[in-house]
């Protein structure tokens, strides 16, 4: 499992809270929202970057809804959940709305 912050799909700029998590041969681009929620944007195969699941702008599901819609991607959803909590609970997390404990 790997996770990183990524830029917008065209690579032109970075958007705050945008993340990418990889697990089970798949990569998901997702965003941490201000209210400590997750919006899933797209899931792609790592081997060729072909889309597995794409959601339309304005109707990005949260993690629970994505899990309901695509239970076959459980390993990826678990990896995203793990990364989400890691970022949320990090003492010096740069994510939007996060608290610095220092």
N, C-alpha and C. Protein backbone atom coordinates (compact mmCIF):
# COMPACT_ATOMS: atom_id res chain seq x y z
N UNK A 1 0.85 -1.17 0.00
CA UNK A 1 0.00 0.00 0.00
C UNK A 1 0.89 1.23 0.00
N UNK A 2 0.61 2.14 -0.90
CA UNK A 2 1.31 3.41 -0.90
C UNK A 2 0.29 4.53 -0.98
N UNK A 3 0.66 5.67 -0.42
CA UNK A 3 -0.22 6.84 -0.45
C UNK A 3 0.63 8.06 -0.65
N UNK A 4 0.10 8.99 -1.40
CA UNK A 4 0.80 10.25 -1.62
C UNK A 4 -0.21 11.33 -1.94
N UNK A 5 0.22 12.58 -1.79
CA UNK A 5 -0.61 13.67 -2.24
C UNK A 5 -0.32 13.87 -3.71
N UNK A 6 -1.36 14.13 -4.47
CA UNK A 6 -1.20 14.26 -5.91
C UNK A 6 -1.79 15.56 -6.39
N UNK A 7 -1.43 15.90 -7.62
CA UNK A 7 -1.99 17.10 -8.25
C UNK A 7 -3.27 16.79 -8.99
N UNK A 8 -3.80 17.80 -9.58
CA UNK A 8 -4.98 17.64 -10.42
C UNK A 8 -4.61 16.73 -11.57
N UNK A 9 -5.58 16.07 -12.19
CA UNK A 9 -5.30 15.08 -13.22
C UNK A 9 -4.41 15.61 -14.33
N UNK A 10 -4.51 16.89 -14.69
CA UNK A 10 -3.66 17.41 -15.76
C UNK A 10 -2.27 17.78 -15.26
N UNK A 11 -2.05 17.67 -13.96
CA UNK A 11 -0.74 17.94 -13.39
C UNK A 11 -0.40 19.42 -13.32
N UNK A 12 -1.33 20.30 -13.67
CA UNK A 12 -1.04 21.72 -13.74
C UNK A 12 -0.88 22.36 -12.36
N UNK A 13 -1.61 21.89 -11.39
CA UNK A 13 -1.53 22.50 -10.07
C UNK A 13 -1.90 21.49 -9.00
N UNK A 14 -1.55 21.80 -7.77
CA UNK A 14 -1.90 20.93 -6.66
C UNK A 14 -3.18 21.45 -6.02
N UNK A 15 -4.04 20.55 -5.65
CA UNK A 15 -5.25 20.92 -4.93
C UNK A 15 -5.12 20.41 -3.51
N UNK A 16 -5.44 21.27 -2.59
CA UNK A 16 -5.32 20.93 -1.18
C UNK A 16 -6.20 19.73 -0.84
N UNK A 17 -5.63 18.79 -0.11
CA UNK A 17 -6.38 17.64 0.35
C UNK A 17 -6.48 16.49 -0.64
N UNK A 18 -5.92 16.63 -1.83
CA UNK A 18 -5.98 15.57 -2.83
C UNK A 18 -4.96 14.49 -2.48
N UNK A 19 -5.39 13.24 -2.53
CA UNK A 19 -4.53 12.13 -2.14
C UNK A 19 -4.66 10.99 -3.15
N UNK A 20 -3.68 10.10 -3.11
CA UNK A 20 -3.73 8.89 -3.94
C UNK A 20 -3.24 7.73 -3.09
N UNK A 21 -4.02 6.67 -3.11
CA UNK A 21 -3.68 5.46 -2.37
C UNK A 21 -3.65 4.30 -3.34
N UNK A 22 -2.65 3.43 -3.18
CA UNK A 22 -2.49 2.26 -4.05
C UNK A 22 -2.54 0.99 -3.22
N UNK A 23 -3.31 0.03 -3.72
CA UNK A 23 -3.39 -1.29 -3.07
C UNK A 23 -3.99 -2.28 -4.06
N UNK A 24 -3.57 -3.51 -3.98
CA UNK A 24 -4.14 -4.59 -4.80
C UNK A 24 -4.10 -4.30 -6.30
N UNK A 25 -3.05 -3.63 -6.77
CA UNK A 25 -2.92 -3.35 -8.19
C UNK A 25 -3.79 -2.21 -8.68
N UNK A 26 -4.39 -1.47 -7.75
CA UNK A 26 -5.27 -0.35 -8.10
C UNK A 26 -4.77 0.92 -7.44
N UNK A 27 -5.11 2.04 -8.03
CA UNK A 27 -4.80 3.34 -7.45
C UNK A 27 -6.08 4.16 -7.38
N UNK A 28 -6.33 4.77 -6.24
CA UNK A 28 -7.52 5.61 -6.07
C UNK A 28 -7.08 7.04 -5.80
N UNK A 29 -7.71 7.97 -6.48
CA UNK A 29 -7.53 9.38 -6.19
C UNK A 29 -8.73 9.82 -5.38
N UNK A 30 -8.45 10.43 -4.23
CA UNK A 30 -9.51 10.84 -3.32
C UNK A 30 -9.13 12.16 -2.67
N UNK A 31 -10.10 12.76 -2.05
CA UNK A 31 -9.87 14.07 -1.45
C UNK A 31 -10.40 14.09 -0.03
N UNK A 32 -9.61 14.66 0.87
CA UNK A 32 -10.09 14.89 2.24
C UNK A 32 -10.84 16.21 2.23
N UNK A 33 -12.06 16.17 2.74
CA UNK A 33 -12.89 17.35 2.80
C UNK A 33 -12.80 18.01 4.17
N UNK A 34 -13.24 19.22 4.25
CA UNK A 34 -13.15 19.98 5.49
C UNK A 34 -13.84 19.34 6.68
N UNK A 35 -14.96 18.70 6.44
CA UNK A 35 -15.72 18.11 7.54
C UNK A 35 -15.25 16.69 7.88
N UNK A 36 -13.99 16.41 7.58
CA UNK A 36 -13.36 15.12 7.88
C UNK A 36 -14.05 13.99 7.14
N UNK A 37 -14.48 14.26 5.94
CA UNK A 37 -15.07 13.23 5.08
C UNK A 37 -14.12 12.98 3.91
N UNK A 38 -14.40 11.94 3.17
CA UNK A 38 -13.60 11.56 2.01
C UNK A 38 -14.49 11.60 0.78
N UNK A 39 -13.98 12.12 -0.31
CA UNK A 39 -14.65 12.06 -1.60
C UNK A 39 -13.77 11.22 -2.53
N UNK A 40 -14.32 10.13 -3.06
CA UNK A 40 -13.59 9.25 -3.97
C UNK A 40 -13.81 9.77 -5.39
N UNK A 41 -12.71 10.06 -6.11
CA UNK A 41 -12.82 10.61 -7.46
C UNK A 41 -12.73 9.54 -8.54
N UNK A 42 -11.70 8.71 -8.46
CA UNK A 42 -11.48 7.72 -9.51
C UNK A 42 -10.63 6.57 -8.97
N UNK A 43 -10.84 5.39 -9.55
CA UNK A 43 -10.01 4.21 -9.28
C UNK A 43 -9.48 3.74 -10.62
N UNK A 44 -8.17 3.49 -10.67
CA UNK A 44 -7.53 3.06 -11.92
C UNK A 44 -6.66 1.83 -11.66
N UNK A 45 -6.43 1.06 -12.73
CA UNK A 45 -5.47 -0.04 -12.67
C UNK A 45 -4.07 0.56 -12.69
N UNK A 46 -3.19 0.07 -11.84
CA UNK A 46 -1.82 0.56 -11.83
C UNK A 46 -1.05 0.13 -13.07
N UNK A 47 -1.40 -1.01 -13.63
CA UNK A 47 -0.64 -1.55 -14.75
C UNK A 47 -0.72 -0.69 -16.01
N UNK A 48 -1.87 -0.07 -16.26
CA UNK A 48 -2.02 0.71 -17.48
C UNK A 48 -2.81 2.01 -17.30
N UNK A 49 -3.13 2.36 -16.07
CA UNK A 49 -3.87 3.58 -15.74
C UNK A 49 -5.28 3.61 -16.34
N UNK A 50 -5.79 2.46 -16.74
CA UNK A 50 -7.15 2.44 -17.26
C UNK A 50 -8.14 2.57 -16.10
N UNK A 51 -9.23 3.29 -16.33
CA UNK A 51 -10.20 3.50 -15.24
C UNK A 51 -10.94 2.22 -14.89
N UNK A 52 -11.11 2.01 -13.60
CA UNK A 52 -11.91 0.90 -13.09
C UNK A 52 -13.27 1.45 -12.66
N UNK A 53 -13.22 2.57 -11.94
CA UNK A 53 -14.43 3.26 -11.48
C UNK A 53 -14.18 4.76 -11.60
N UNK A 54 -15.12 5.46 -12.23
CA UNK A 54 -15.06 6.92 -12.32
C UNK A 54 -16.37 7.48 -11.78
N UNK A 55 -16.29 8.49 -10.98
CA UNK A 55 -17.48 9.15 -10.46
C UNK A 55 -17.54 10.54 -11.07
N UNK A 56 -18.73 11.04 -11.27
CA UNK A 56 -18.89 12.35 -11.89
C UNK A 56 -18.74 13.46 -10.87
N UNK A 57 -18.21 14.57 -11.32
CA UNK A 57 -18.03 15.74 -10.47
C UNK A 57 -19.37 16.14 -9.88
N UNK A 58 -19.35 16.46 -8.60
CA UNK A 58 -20.57 16.86 -7.93
C UNK A 58 -21.29 15.70 -7.27
N UNK A 59 -20.91 14.47 -7.63
CA UNK A 59 -21.54 13.30 -7.01
C UNK A 59 -20.50 12.30 -6.54
N UNK A 60 -19.33 12.81 -6.13
CA UNK A 60 -18.29 11.92 -5.62
C UNK A 60 -18.80 11.27 -4.33
N UNK A 61 -18.74 9.95 -4.24
CA UNK A 61 -19.22 9.29 -3.02
C UNK A 61 -18.20 9.39 -1.90
N UNK A 62 -18.70 9.30 -0.68
CA UNK A 62 -17.79 9.17 0.45
C UNK A 62 -17.31 7.72 0.49
N UNK A 63 -16.45 7.42 1.42
CA UNK A 63 -15.85 6.08 1.47
C UNK A 63 -16.90 5.00 1.73
N UNK A 64 -17.83 5.26 2.61
CA UNK A 64 -18.86 4.26 2.92
C UNK A 64 -19.72 3.95 1.69
N UNK A 65 -20.11 4.98 0.97
CA UNK A 65 -20.92 4.79 -0.23
C UNK A 65 -20.13 4.07 -1.33
N UNK A 66 -18.86 4.43 -1.50
CA UNK A 66 -18.01 3.76 -2.49
C UNK A 66 -17.89 2.28 -2.16
N UNK A 67 -17.77 1.98 -0.87
CA UNK A 67 -17.68 0.58 -0.43
C UNK A 67 -18.98 -0.17 -0.75
N UNK A 68 -20.12 0.49 -0.58
CA UNK A 68 -21.41 -0.12 -0.90
C UNK A 68 -21.54 -0.36 -2.41
N UNK A 69 -21.11 0.62 -3.20
CA UNK A 69 -21.23 0.53 -4.66
C UNK A 69 -20.29 -0.51 -5.26
N UNK A 70 -19.10 -0.65 -4.67
CA UNK A 70 -18.06 -1.54 -5.22
C UNK A 70 -17.39 -2.35 -4.11
N UNK A 71 -18.12 -3.30 -3.52
CA UNK A 71 -17.55 -4.09 -2.43
C UNK A 71 -16.36 -4.94 -2.86
N UNK A 72 -16.24 -5.20 -4.15
CA UNK A 72 -15.12 -6.00 -4.66
C UNK A 72 -13.78 -5.28 -4.51
N UNK A 73 -13.80 -4.00 -4.20
CA UNK A 73 -12.57 -3.21 -4.01
C UNK A 73 -12.25 -3.01 -2.52
N UNK A 74 -12.69 -3.96 -1.70
CA UNK A 74 -12.54 -3.84 -0.24
C UNK A 74 -11.11 -3.56 0.21
N UNK A 75 -10.12 -4.20 -0.42
CA UNK A 75 -8.73 -3.97 -0.02
C UNK A 75 -8.31 -2.52 -0.24
N UNK A 76 -8.73 -1.95 -1.33
CA UNK A 76 -8.41 -0.55 -1.61
C UNK A 76 -9.14 0.37 -0.64
N UNK A 77 -10.43 0.10 -0.39
CA UNK A 77 -11.18 0.95 0.56
C UNK A 77 -10.56 0.87 1.95
N UNK A 78 -10.10 -0.31 2.36
CA UNK A 78 -9.44 -0.45 3.66
C UNK A 78 -8.16 0.37 3.71
N UNK A 79 -7.40 0.36 2.62
CA UNK A 79 -6.15 1.14 2.58
C UNK A 79 -6.45 2.64 2.66
N UNK A 80 -7.49 3.09 1.99
CA UNK A 80 -7.88 4.50 2.06
C UNK A 80 -8.31 4.86 3.47
N UNK A 81 -9.12 3.99 4.08
CA UNK A 81 -9.57 4.25 5.46
C UNK A 81 -8.37 4.37 6.41
N UNK A 82 -7.41 3.47 6.25
CA UNK A 82 -6.22 3.50 7.09
C UNK A 82 -5.47 4.83 6.91
N UNK A 83 -5.27 5.23 5.67
CA UNK A 83 -4.56 6.47 5.39
C UNK A 83 -5.33 7.68 5.89
N UNK A 84 -6.64 7.67 5.72
CA UNK A 84 -7.48 8.77 6.21
C UNK A 84 -7.28 8.97 7.70
N UNK A 85 -7.39 7.90 8.49
CA UNK A 85 -7.24 8.02 9.94
C UNK A 85 -5.81 8.40 10.32
N UNK A 86 -4.85 7.89 9.58
CA UNK A 86 -3.46 8.26 9.84
C UNK A 86 -3.26 9.77 9.66
N UNK A 87 -3.81 10.31 8.58
CA UNK A 87 -3.70 11.75 8.33
C UNK A 87 -4.50 12.57 9.33
N UNK A 88 -5.69 12.11 9.65
CA UNK A 88 -6.56 12.84 10.55
C UNK A 88 -5.96 12.92 11.96
N UNK A 89 -5.32 11.86 12.40
CA UNK A 89 -4.79 11.81 13.75
C UNK A 89 -3.33 12.24 13.85
N UNK A 90 -2.72 12.56 12.73
CA UNK A 90 -1.33 12.97 12.74
C UNK A 90 -1.18 14.31 13.47
N UNK A 91 -0.23 14.41 14.40
CA UNK A 91 -0.05 15.64 15.17
C UNK A 91 0.28 16.86 14.30
N UNK A 92 0.96 16.67 13.20
CA UNK A 92 1.35 17.80 12.35
C UNK A 92 0.81 17.63 10.93
N UNK A 93 -0.40 17.10 10.83
CA UNK A 93 -1.00 16.81 9.53
C UNK A 93 -1.25 18.08 8.73
N UNK A 94 -0.82 18.11 7.46
CA UNK A 94 -1.05 19.27 6.60
C UNK A 94 -2.42 19.28 5.94
N UNK A 95 -3.28 18.32 6.29
CA UNK A 95 -4.57 18.23 5.63
C UNK A 95 -5.49 19.37 6.05
N UNK A 96 -6.47 19.72 5.20
CA UNK A 96 -7.37 20.82 5.52
C UNK A 96 -8.20 20.52 6.76
N UNK A 97 -8.30 21.48 7.63
CA UNK A 97 -9.09 21.33 8.83
C UNK A 97 -8.41 20.53 9.93
N UNK A 98 -7.20 20.06 9.67
CA UNK A 98 -6.49 19.28 10.68
C UNK A 98 -5.94 20.21 11.77
N UNK A 99 -5.72 19.63 12.93
CA UNK A 99 -5.21 20.40 14.06
C UNK A 99 -3.75 20.10 14.28
N UNK A 100 -2.96 21.10 14.49
CA UNK A 100 -1.55 20.89 14.82
C UNK A 100 -1.44 20.81 16.35
N UNK A 101 -0.83 19.76 16.84
CA UNK A 101 -0.75 19.54 18.27
C UNK A 101 0.53 20.13 18.86
N UNK A 102 1.41 20.64 18.04
CA UNK A 102 2.69 21.17 18.54
C UNK A 102 2.49 22.50 19.23
